[in-house]
N, C-alpha and C. Protein backbone atom coordinates (compact mmCIF):
# COMPACT_ATOMS: atom_id res chain seq x y z
N UNK A 1 19.46 47.17 37.76
CA UNK A 1 20.52 47.14 36.81
C UNK A 1 21.84 47.46 37.51
N UNK A 2 22.85 46.60 37.12
CA UNK A 2 24.20 46.81 37.77
C UNK A 2 24.94 48.00 37.07
N UNK A 3 25.74 48.66 37.82
CA UNK A 3 26.57 49.68 37.24
C UNK A 3 27.69 48.99 36.46
N UNK A 4 28.08 49.49 35.37
CA UNK A 4 28.89 48.91 34.36
C UNK A 4 30.28 48.54 35.04
N UNK A 5 30.74 49.36 35.97
CA UNK A 5 32.09 49.16 36.47
C UNK A 5 32.19 48.85 37.93
N UNK A 6 31.02 48.59 38.53
CA UNK A 6 31.02 48.14 39.99
C UNK A 6 31.40 46.77 40.21
N UNK A 7 32.19 46.52 41.18
CA UNK A 7 32.49 45.20 41.74
C UNK A 7 32.04 45.11 43.20
N UNK A 8 31.08 44.22 43.45
CA UNK A 8 30.62 43.96 44.72
C UNK A 8 31.56 43.05 45.62
N UNK A 9 31.88 43.42 46.80
CA UNK A 9 32.72 42.63 47.54
C UNK A 9 31.87 41.39 48.22
N UNK A 10 32.40 40.26 48.03
CA UNK A 10 31.79 39.03 48.42
C UNK A 10 32.37 38.60 49.83
N UNK A 11 33.72 38.63 49.79
CA UNK A 11 34.41 38.30 51.02
C UNK A 11 35.70 39.06 51.15
N UNK A 12 36.29 39.03 52.40
CA UNK A 12 37.57 39.72 52.69
C UNK A 12 38.34 38.80 53.51
N UNK A 13 39.71 38.74 53.14
CA UNK A 13 40.56 37.89 53.87
C UNK A 13 41.77 38.72 54.35
N UNK A 14 41.81 39.22 55.58
CA UNK A 14 42.95 39.99 56.02
C UNK A 14 44.31 39.18 55.88
N UNK A 15 45.35 39.81 55.35
CA UNK A 15 46.55 39.02 55.26
C UNK A 15 47.65 39.55 56.11
N UNK A 16 47.70 40.99 56.23
CA UNK A 16 48.71 41.58 56.99
C UNK A 16 48.28 42.95 57.53
N UNK A 17 48.57 43.28 58.74
CA UNK A 17 48.27 44.59 59.32
C UNK A 17 49.57 45.10 59.99
N UNK A 18 50.13 46.11 59.36
CA UNK A 18 51.42 46.72 59.83
C UNK A 18 51.23 48.11 60.31
N UNK A 19 52.36 48.82 60.51
CA UNK A 19 52.28 50.25 60.95
C UNK A 19 51.94 51.17 59.87
N UNK A 20 52.17 50.79 58.57
CA UNK A 20 51.99 51.66 57.46
C UNK A 20 50.90 51.23 56.57
N UNK A 21 50.78 49.83 56.31
CA UNK A 21 49.80 49.32 55.44
C UNK A 21 49.07 48.09 55.97
N UNK A 22 47.95 47.79 55.32
CA UNK A 22 47.21 46.57 55.56
C UNK A 22 47.02 45.99 54.25
N UNK A 23 47.07 44.69 54.10
CA UNK A 23 46.86 43.99 52.86
C UNK A 23 45.75 42.99 53.19
N UNK A 24 44.84 42.85 52.18
CA UNK A 24 43.78 41.98 52.21
C UNK A 24 43.51 41.39 50.83
N UNK A 25 42.83 40.24 50.72
CA UNK A 25 42.40 39.67 49.47
C UNK A 25 40.85 39.74 49.59
N UNK A 26 40.22 40.27 48.50
CA UNK A 26 38.83 40.33 48.46
C UNK A 26 38.30 39.40 47.24
N UNK A 27 37.20 38.67 47.46
CA UNK A 27 36.63 38.08 46.39
C UNK A 27 35.47 39.02 46.01
N UNK A 28 35.48 39.29 44.62
CA UNK A 28 34.50 40.33 44.18
C UNK A 28 33.62 39.63 43.04
N UNK A 29 32.34 40.24 43.01
CA UNK A 29 31.41 39.79 41.89
C UNK A 29 31.61 40.90 40.87
N UNK A 30 31.87 40.41 39.60
CA UNK A 30 32.21 41.23 38.50
C UNK A 30 30.84 41.63 37.73
N UNK A 31 30.82 42.69 36.95
CA UNK A 31 29.73 43.09 36.27
C UNK A 31 28.98 42.10 35.41
N UNK A 32 29.86 41.11 34.90
CA UNK A 32 29.21 40.16 34.03
C UNK A 32 28.78 38.85 34.83
N UNK A 33 28.87 38.93 36.18
CA UNK A 33 28.38 37.91 37.05
C UNK A 33 29.46 36.93 37.53
N UNK A 34 30.57 36.93 36.95
CA UNK A 34 31.62 36.09 37.30
C UNK A 34 32.25 36.61 38.58
N UNK A 35 33.14 35.82 39.21
CA UNK A 35 33.89 36.34 40.36
C UNK A 35 35.35 36.36 40.08
N UNK A 36 36.12 37.18 40.95
CA UNK A 36 37.50 37.34 40.80
C UNK A 36 38.06 37.70 42.16
N UNK A 37 39.46 37.63 42.28
CA UNK A 37 40.10 38.01 43.52
C UNK A 37 40.84 39.33 43.34
N UNK A 38 40.82 40.17 44.33
CA UNK A 38 41.55 41.41 44.21
C UNK A 38 42.54 41.47 45.50
N UNK A 39 43.81 41.66 45.26
CA UNK A 39 44.83 41.89 46.32
C UNK A 39 44.95 43.36 46.59
N UNK A 40 44.56 43.86 47.73
CA UNK A 40 44.48 45.26 47.97
C UNK A 40 45.43 45.78 49.14
N UNK A 41 46.03 46.85 48.97
CA UNK A 41 46.82 47.50 49.99
C UNK A 41 46.07 48.75 50.50
N UNK A 42 45.92 48.78 51.83
CA UNK A 42 45.16 49.94 52.42
C UNK A 42 46.29 50.80 53.13
N UNK A 43 46.22 52.13 52.83
CA UNK A 43 47.20 53.04 53.34
C UNK A 43 46.44 54.33 53.93
N UNK A 44 46.95 54.93 54.86
CA UNK A 44 46.25 56.09 55.38
C UNK A 44 46.42 57.37 54.54
N UNK A 45 47.31 57.29 53.53
CA UNK A 45 47.64 58.45 52.77
C UNK A 45 48.92 59.19 53.08
N UNK A 46 49.32 60.12 52.25
CA UNK A 46 50.57 60.78 52.49
C UNK A 46 50.53 62.11 52.02
N UNK A 47 51.49 62.93 52.32
CA UNK A 47 51.67 64.36 51.88
C UNK A 47 53.07 64.47 51.28
N UNK A 48 53.18 65.47 50.35
CA UNK A 48 54.41 65.85 49.78
C UNK A 48 54.49 67.36 49.71
N UNK A 49 55.70 68.01 49.77
CA UNK A 49 55.83 69.34 49.83
C UNK A 49 56.78 69.92 48.81
N UNK A 50 56.32 70.79 48.01
CA UNK A 50 57.22 71.40 47.05
C UNK A 50 57.61 72.78 47.65
N UNK A 51 58.90 73.00 47.76
CA UNK A 51 59.38 74.20 48.32
C UNK A 51 60.62 74.62 47.57
N UNK A 52 60.87 75.88 47.41
CA UNK A 52 61.96 76.45 46.71
C UNK A 52 62.78 77.39 47.60
N UNK A 53 64.05 77.20 47.55
CA UNK A 53 64.90 78.13 48.51
C UNK A 53 65.01 79.56 47.88
N UNK A 54 65.74 80.45 48.54
CA UNK A 54 65.88 81.84 48.10
C UNK A 54 66.42 81.94 46.66
N UNK A 55 67.15 80.99 46.23
CA UNK A 55 67.77 81.03 44.89
C UNK A 55 66.88 80.43 43.82
N UNK A 56 65.63 80.05 44.30
CA UNK A 56 64.71 79.43 43.29
C UNK A 56 65.00 77.96 43.13
N UNK A 57 65.89 77.29 43.88
CA UNK A 57 66.14 75.91 43.73
C UNK A 57 65.09 75.06 44.51
N UNK A 58 64.83 73.89 43.88
CA UNK A 58 63.85 72.87 44.52
C UNK A 58 64.63 72.26 45.72
N UNK A 59 63.83 72.21 46.84
CA UNK A 59 64.39 71.54 48.08
C UNK A 59 64.04 70.02 48.07
N UNK A 60 65.03 69.23 48.05
CA UNK A 60 64.88 67.78 48.07
C UNK A 60 65.51 67.15 49.28
N UNK A 61 65.14 66.00 49.60
CA UNK A 61 65.83 65.09 50.65
C UNK A 61 66.30 63.79 49.91
N UNK A 62 67.40 63.46 50.21
CA UNK A 62 67.93 62.12 49.64
C UNK A 62 67.85 61.15 50.75
N UNK A 63 67.22 60.00 50.45
CA UNK A 63 67.16 58.93 51.48
C UNK A 63 67.13 57.61 50.78
N UNK A 64 67.58 56.61 51.60
CA UNK A 64 67.59 55.29 51.12
C UNK A 64 66.18 54.67 51.18
N UNK A 65 65.78 53.96 50.06
CA UNK A 65 64.40 53.35 49.91
C UNK A 65 64.65 51.86 49.85
N UNK A 66 64.37 51.18 50.83
CA UNK A 66 64.52 49.69 50.99
C UNK A 66 63.91 49.05 49.81
N UNK A 67 62.64 49.32 49.41
CA UNK A 67 61.95 48.75 48.37
C UNK A 67 62.66 48.78 47.02
N UNK A 68 63.49 49.75 46.84
CA UNK A 68 64.27 49.99 45.67
C UNK A 68 65.67 49.55 45.77
N UNK A 69 66.15 49.31 47.00
CA UNK A 69 67.49 48.93 47.30
C UNK A 69 68.49 50.05 46.81
N UNK A 70 68.05 51.30 46.95
CA UNK A 70 69.01 52.43 46.60
C UNK A 70 68.43 53.71 47.19
N UNK A 71 69.30 54.73 47.20
CA UNK A 71 68.85 56.05 47.65
C UNK A 71 68.36 56.86 46.54
N UNK A 72 67.34 57.62 46.69
CA UNK A 72 66.85 58.48 45.66
C UNK A 72 66.52 59.88 46.30
N UNK A 73 66.54 60.89 45.50
CA UNK A 73 66.22 62.19 45.93
C UNK A 73 64.66 62.46 45.72
N UNK A 74 64.07 63.07 46.70
CA UNK A 74 62.61 63.26 46.63
C UNK A 74 62.28 64.57 47.33
N UNK A 75 61.09 65.10 46.99
CA UNK A 75 60.63 66.26 47.74
C UNK A 75 60.23 65.73 49.22
N UNK A 76 60.34 66.63 50.12
CA UNK A 76 59.95 66.14 51.53
C UNK A 76 58.49 65.61 51.54
N UNK A 77 58.33 64.53 52.16
CA UNK A 77 57.03 63.73 52.15
C UNK A 77 57.00 62.92 53.35
N UNK A 78 55.75 62.42 53.60
CA UNK A 78 55.55 61.38 54.66
C UNK A 78 54.13 60.95 54.73
N UNK A 79 53.92 59.96 55.59
CA UNK A 79 52.65 59.43 55.80
C UNK A 79 51.73 60.20 56.70
N UNK A 80 50.43 60.17 56.44
CA UNK A 80 49.43 60.73 57.30
C UNK A 80 49.23 59.82 58.39
N UNK A 81 49.19 60.31 59.60
CA UNK A 81 48.77 59.53 60.84
C UNK A 81 47.23 59.31 60.72
N UNK A 82 46.59 58.32 61.34
CA UNK A 82 45.20 58.19 61.37
C UNK A 82 44.49 59.37 61.84
N UNK A 83 43.54 59.87 61.02
CA UNK A 83 42.87 61.16 61.37
C UNK A 83 43.51 62.42 61.22
N UNK A 84 44.75 62.44 60.76
CA UNK A 84 45.52 63.71 60.73
C UNK A 84 45.18 64.46 59.45
N UNK A 85 45.06 65.79 59.69
CA UNK A 85 44.73 66.67 58.49
C UNK A 85 45.94 66.73 57.68
N UNK A 86 45.74 66.65 56.24
CA UNK A 86 46.89 66.69 55.41
C UNK A 86 47.77 67.96 55.53
N UNK A 87 47.20 69.15 55.69
CA UNK A 87 48.00 70.28 55.80
C UNK A 87 48.89 70.24 57.12
N UNK A 88 48.36 69.83 58.22
CA UNK A 88 49.13 69.74 59.43
C UNK A 88 50.28 68.66 59.13
N UNK A 89 49.96 67.57 58.53
CA UNK A 89 51.00 66.60 58.16
C UNK A 89 52.17 67.15 57.36
N UNK A 90 51.76 67.95 56.32
CA UNK A 90 52.77 68.57 55.39
C UNK A 90 53.65 69.52 56.20
N UNK A 91 53.14 70.33 57.11
CA UNK A 91 53.94 71.27 57.91
C UNK A 91 54.88 70.43 58.78
N UNK A 92 54.38 69.39 59.33
CA UNK A 92 55.21 68.51 60.18
C UNK A 92 56.35 67.91 59.39
N UNK A 93 56.16 67.32 58.31
CA UNK A 93 57.02 66.60 57.44
C UNK A 93 58.13 67.58 57.06
N UNK A 94 57.79 68.70 56.47
CA UNK A 94 58.75 69.76 56.01
C UNK A 94 59.64 70.18 57.11
N UNK A 95 59.16 70.37 58.24
CA UNK A 95 60.00 70.80 59.35
C UNK A 95 60.91 69.61 59.84
N UNK A 96 60.35 68.48 59.92
CA UNK A 96 61.15 67.40 60.47
C UNK A 96 62.33 66.99 59.54
N UNK A 97 62.02 66.98 58.22
CA UNK A 97 63.02 66.55 57.22
C UNK A 97 63.97 67.63 56.80
N UNK A 98 63.62 68.88 56.84
CA UNK A 98 64.48 69.97 56.38
C UNK A 98 64.76 71.02 57.47
N UNK A 99 63.98 71.20 58.46
CA UNK A 99 64.01 72.27 59.37
C UNK A 99 63.34 73.44 58.98
N UNK A 100 62.61 73.43 57.84
CA UNK A 100 62.02 74.60 57.29
C UNK A 100 60.59 74.71 57.76
N UNK A 101 60.19 76.01 58.10
CA UNK A 101 58.76 76.25 58.38
C UNK A 101 58.36 77.26 57.30
N UNK A 102 57.07 77.17 56.85
CA UNK A 102 56.60 78.04 55.86
C UNK A 102 55.40 78.83 56.34
N UNK A 103 55.20 80.04 55.94
CA UNK A 103 54.11 80.91 56.19
C UNK A 103 52.88 80.71 55.31
N UNK A 104 53.16 80.37 54.13
CA UNK A 104 52.08 80.30 53.19
C UNK A 104 51.99 78.84 52.52
N UNK A 105 50.84 78.27 52.58
CA UNK A 105 50.64 76.95 52.06
C UNK A 105 49.49 76.91 51.07
N UNK A 106 49.65 76.15 49.96
CA UNK A 106 48.66 76.01 48.98
C UNK A 106 48.59 74.51 48.65
N UNK A 107 47.42 73.85 48.64
CA UNK A 107 47.26 72.53 48.15
C UNK A 107 47.18 72.60 46.59
N UNK A 108 48.06 71.82 45.98
CA UNK A 108 48.18 71.91 44.53
C UNK A 108 47.25 70.79 43.87
N UNK A 109 47.49 69.56 44.44
CA UNK A 109 46.82 68.44 43.74
C UNK A 109 46.79 67.28 44.71
N UNK A 110 46.00 66.21 44.49
CA UNK A 110 46.07 64.98 45.27
C UNK A 110 45.99 63.88 44.12
N UNK A 111 46.67 62.77 44.35
CA UNK A 111 46.61 61.67 43.43
C UNK A 111 46.79 60.31 44.18
N UNK A 112 46.19 59.37 43.49
CA UNK A 112 46.40 57.96 43.96
C UNK A 112 47.71 57.34 43.29
N UNK A 113 48.47 56.77 44.13
CA UNK A 113 49.79 56.37 43.63
C UNK A 113 49.73 55.13 42.77
N UNK A 114 48.92 54.16 43.12
CA UNK A 114 48.71 52.86 42.35
C UNK A 114 47.24 52.35 42.49
N UNK A 115 46.36 52.93 41.83
CA UNK A 115 44.94 52.68 42.12
C UNK A 115 44.51 51.20 41.68
N UNK A 116 45.37 50.55 41.01
CA UNK A 116 45.06 49.19 40.57
C UNK A 116 44.97 48.19 41.82
N UNK A 117 45.82 48.62 42.84
CA UNK A 117 45.89 47.62 44.07
C UNK A 117 45.95 48.40 45.31
N UNK A 118 46.08 49.71 45.40
CA UNK A 118 46.34 50.49 46.62
C UNK A 118 45.36 51.67 46.62
N UNK A 119 44.95 52.13 47.84
CA UNK A 119 44.18 53.27 48.01
C UNK A 119 44.98 54.52 48.54
N UNK A 120 46.25 54.44 48.52
CA UNK A 120 47.06 55.53 48.97
C UNK A 120 46.80 56.75 48.12
N UNK A 121 46.43 57.83 48.87
CA UNK A 121 46.17 59.09 48.27
C UNK A 121 47.29 60.12 48.79
N UNK A 122 47.95 60.76 47.89
CA UNK A 122 49.05 61.63 48.22
C UNK A 122 48.56 63.16 48.01
N UNK A 123 48.62 64.03 48.96
CA UNK A 123 48.27 65.47 48.83
C UNK A 123 49.59 66.18 48.62
N UNK A 124 49.63 67.04 47.62
CA UNK A 124 50.85 67.72 47.29
C UNK A 124 50.65 69.22 47.63
N UNK A 125 51.44 69.70 48.32
CA UNK A 125 51.35 71.25 48.83
C UNK A 125 52.61 71.97 48.29
N UNK A 126 52.33 73.35 48.02
CA UNK A 126 53.40 74.22 47.82
C UNK A 126 53.64 75.03 49.09
N UNK A 127 54.78 75.13 49.56
CA UNK A 127 55.17 75.90 50.75
C UNK A 127 55.99 77.10 50.29
N UNK A 128 55.59 78.21 50.75
CA UNK A 128 56.16 79.57 50.40
C UNK A 128 56.49 80.41 51.63
N UNK A 129 57.21 81.33 51.51
CA UNK A 129 57.69 82.27 52.67
C UNK A 129 58.34 81.47 53.72
N UNK A 130 59.48 80.89 53.38
CA UNK A 130 60.23 79.98 54.17
C UNK A 130 61.02 80.49 55.23
N UNK A 131 61.16 79.87 56.36
CA UNK A 131 62.06 80.17 57.45
C UNK A 131 62.92 78.95 57.78
N UNK A 132 64.23 79.12 57.62
CA UNK A 132 65.11 78.01 57.92
C UNK A 132 65.25 77.61 59.37
N UNK A 133 65.48 76.40 59.70
CA UNK A 133 65.69 75.98 61.06
C UNK A 133 66.37 74.63 61.02
N UNK A 134 66.50 74.00 62.17
CA UNK A 134 67.13 72.71 62.25
C UNK A 134 66.26 71.49 61.97
N UNK A 135 66.59 70.58 61.07
CA UNK A 135 65.80 69.39 60.87
C UNK A 135 65.70 68.50 62.14
N UNK A 136 64.62 67.76 62.17
CA UNK A 136 64.40 66.89 63.27
C UNK A 136 63.67 65.58 62.77
N UNK A 137 64.49 64.74 61.96
CA UNK A 137 63.86 63.57 61.38
C UNK A 137 63.43 62.59 62.49
N UNK A 138 62.51 61.69 62.13
CA UNK A 138 62.15 60.51 62.95
C UNK A 138 63.39 59.73 63.26
N UNK A 139 63.40 58.94 64.38
CA UNK A 139 64.66 58.28 64.86
C UNK A 139 65.10 57.22 63.82
N UNK A 140 64.14 56.69 63.01
CA UNK A 140 64.56 55.68 62.01
C UNK A 140 64.61 56.28 60.63
N UNK A 141 64.73 57.59 60.50
CA UNK A 141 64.73 58.23 59.24
C UNK A 141 66.09 59.01 59.07
N UNK A 142 66.83 58.65 57.96
CA UNK A 142 68.11 59.33 57.67
C UNK A 142 67.97 59.99 56.34
N UNK A 143 68.00 61.29 56.34
CA UNK A 143 67.81 62.08 55.20
C UNK A 143 68.89 63.07 55.09
N UNK A 144 69.24 63.51 53.80
CA UNK A 144 70.19 64.49 53.53
C UNK A 144 69.52 65.52 52.65
N UNK A 145 69.43 66.83 53.11
CA UNK A 145 68.83 67.86 52.26
C UNK A 145 69.77 68.27 51.00
N UNK A 146 69.07 68.20 49.82
CA UNK A 146 69.80 68.55 48.64
C UNK A 146 68.92 69.67 47.89
N UNK A 147 69.46 70.80 47.62
CA UNK A 147 68.74 71.88 46.87
C UNK A 147 69.34 71.76 45.40
N UNK A 148 68.40 71.85 44.41
CA UNK A 148 68.85 71.70 43.06
C UNK A 148 68.20 72.70 42.12
N UNK A 149 68.91 73.11 41.10
CA UNK A 149 68.29 73.94 40.10
C UNK A 149 67.35 73.07 39.21
N UNK A 150 66.66 73.73 38.30
CA UNK A 150 65.74 73.03 37.38
C UNK A 150 66.68 72.10 36.45
N UNK A 151 67.71 72.62 35.99
CA UNK A 151 68.56 71.80 35.00
C UNK A 151 69.11 70.52 35.85
N UNK A 152 69.60 70.81 37.11
CA UNK A 152 69.99 69.68 37.89
C UNK A 152 68.97 68.73 38.20
N UNK A 153 67.66 69.18 38.41
CA UNK A 153 66.64 68.19 38.70
C UNK A 153 66.29 67.44 37.45
N UNK A 154 66.38 68.03 36.25
CA UNK A 154 66.04 67.27 34.97
C UNK A 154 67.16 66.18 34.74
N UNK A 155 68.40 66.59 35.06
CA UNK A 155 69.52 65.61 34.97
C UNK A 155 69.32 64.53 35.93
N UNK A 156 68.88 64.71 37.12
CA UNK A 156 68.62 63.69 38.12
C UNK A 156 67.45 62.75 37.72
N UNK A 157 66.50 63.26 37.00
CA UNK A 157 65.42 62.44 36.54
C UNK A 157 65.92 61.46 35.46
N UNK A 158 66.78 62.07 34.57
CA UNK A 158 67.36 61.21 33.48
C UNK A 158 68.30 60.11 34.07
N UNK A 159 68.99 60.40 35.19
CA UNK A 159 69.87 59.45 35.77
C UNK A 159 69.20 58.40 36.69
N UNK A 160 67.99 58.72 37.01
CA UNK A 160 67.34 57.86 37.92
C UNK A 160 67.56 58.22 39.37
N UNK A 161 68.21 59.30 39.69
CA UNK A 161 68.38 59.72 41.04
C UNK A 161 67.07 60.38 41.58
N UNK A 162 66.19 61.03 40.72
CA UNK A 162 64.83 61.29 41.04
C UNK A 162 64.01 60.36 40.15
N UNK A 163 63.20 59.57 40.86
CA UNK A 163 62.52 58.44 40.18
C UNK A 163 61.15 58.11 40.75
N UNK A 164 60.53 59.15 41.33
CA UNK A 164 59.17 58.95 41.88
C UNK A 164 58.23 60.07 41.34
N UNK A 165 56.93 59.68 41.26
CA UNK A 165 55.96 60.56 40.52
C UNK A 165 55.86 61.96 41.21
N UNK A 166 55.80 62.01 42.65
CA UNK A 166 55.51 63.28 43.28
C UNK A 166 56.73 64.24 43.02
N UNK A 167 57.90 63.75 42.91
CA UNK A 167 58.99 64.74 42.72
C UNK A 167 59.16 65.04 41.22
N UNK A 168 58.84 64.16 40.32
CA UNK A 168 58.82 64.54 38.89
C UNK A 168 57.65 65.62 38.71
N UNK A 169 56.62 65.48 39.42
CA UNK A 169 55.53 66.41 39.27
C UNK A 169 56.03 67.85 39.86
N UNK A 170 56.79 67.73 40.92
CA UNK A 170 57.39 69.05 41.40
C UNK A 170 58.32 69.72 40.45
N UNK A 171 59.10 68.90 39.64
CA UNK A 171 60.04 69.43 38.64
C UNK A 171 59.22 70.10 37.57
N UNK A 172 58.03 69.45 37.18
CA UNK A 172 57.11 70.12 36.25
C UNK A 172 56.58 71.41 36.66
N UNK A 173 56.21 71.45 38.07
CA UNK A 173 55.80 72.78 38.56
C UNK A 173 56.93 73.78 38.59
N UNK A 174 58.08 73.41 38.74
CA UNK A 174 59.25 74.23 38.74
C UNK A 174 59.49 74.74 37.30
N UNK A 175 59.30 73.89 36.30
CA UNK A 175 59.51 74.39 34.94
C UNK A 175 58.39 75.38 34.53
N UNK A 176 57.20 75.15 35.05
CA UNK A 176 56.06 76.11 34.74
C UNK A 176 56.43 77.47 35.36
N UNK A 177 57.03 77.53 36.56
CA UNK A 177 57.37 78.75 37.18
C UNK A 177 58.43 79.54 36.38
N UNK A 178 59.31 78.76 35.78
CA UNK A 178 60.44 79.31 35.03
C UNK A 178 59.98 79.97 33.69
N UNK A 179 58.87 79.35 33.22
CA UNK A 179 58.31 79.90 31.93
C UNK A 179 57.54 81.21 32.14
N UNK A 180 57.18 81.55 33.31
CA UNK A 180 56.44 82.83 33.54
C UNK A 180 57.33 84.00 33.32
């Protein structure tokens, strides 16, 4: 008996292999016996870091996103290197993008960004007990640190300056902290 939602892979056709993603087309057998094609993006995963400065403001970085053709503000984040532990990656990304090191780390949640076509899994961490330092971004990474209050963050969501799921989630965490 076939599982109701299982799709068996019949064939794979690699399309592209880059530094960040791999793309392939799979022919699959559907539960009803028919076949279909699936265009899939494979990604090593990513991390995102929620951190608050001494004034309780959310720490963001503003950077240009070519896929959007605009700059947006986001929580510090980055891709996992193959085999890299998510916590190690989160520590590295926070330090590279903001210069901050944290003593206390809590994994809050992980989520798939676009499960309809991609396997990218993002791990979200809360960083606390912060120590400021000098940022050291990658050579092809141009970021500007921006610390914002809860009200400023909400206004940035409304304006589209914050426009990604991980950062909107961070604002929700920030709201919950203010409700306590």
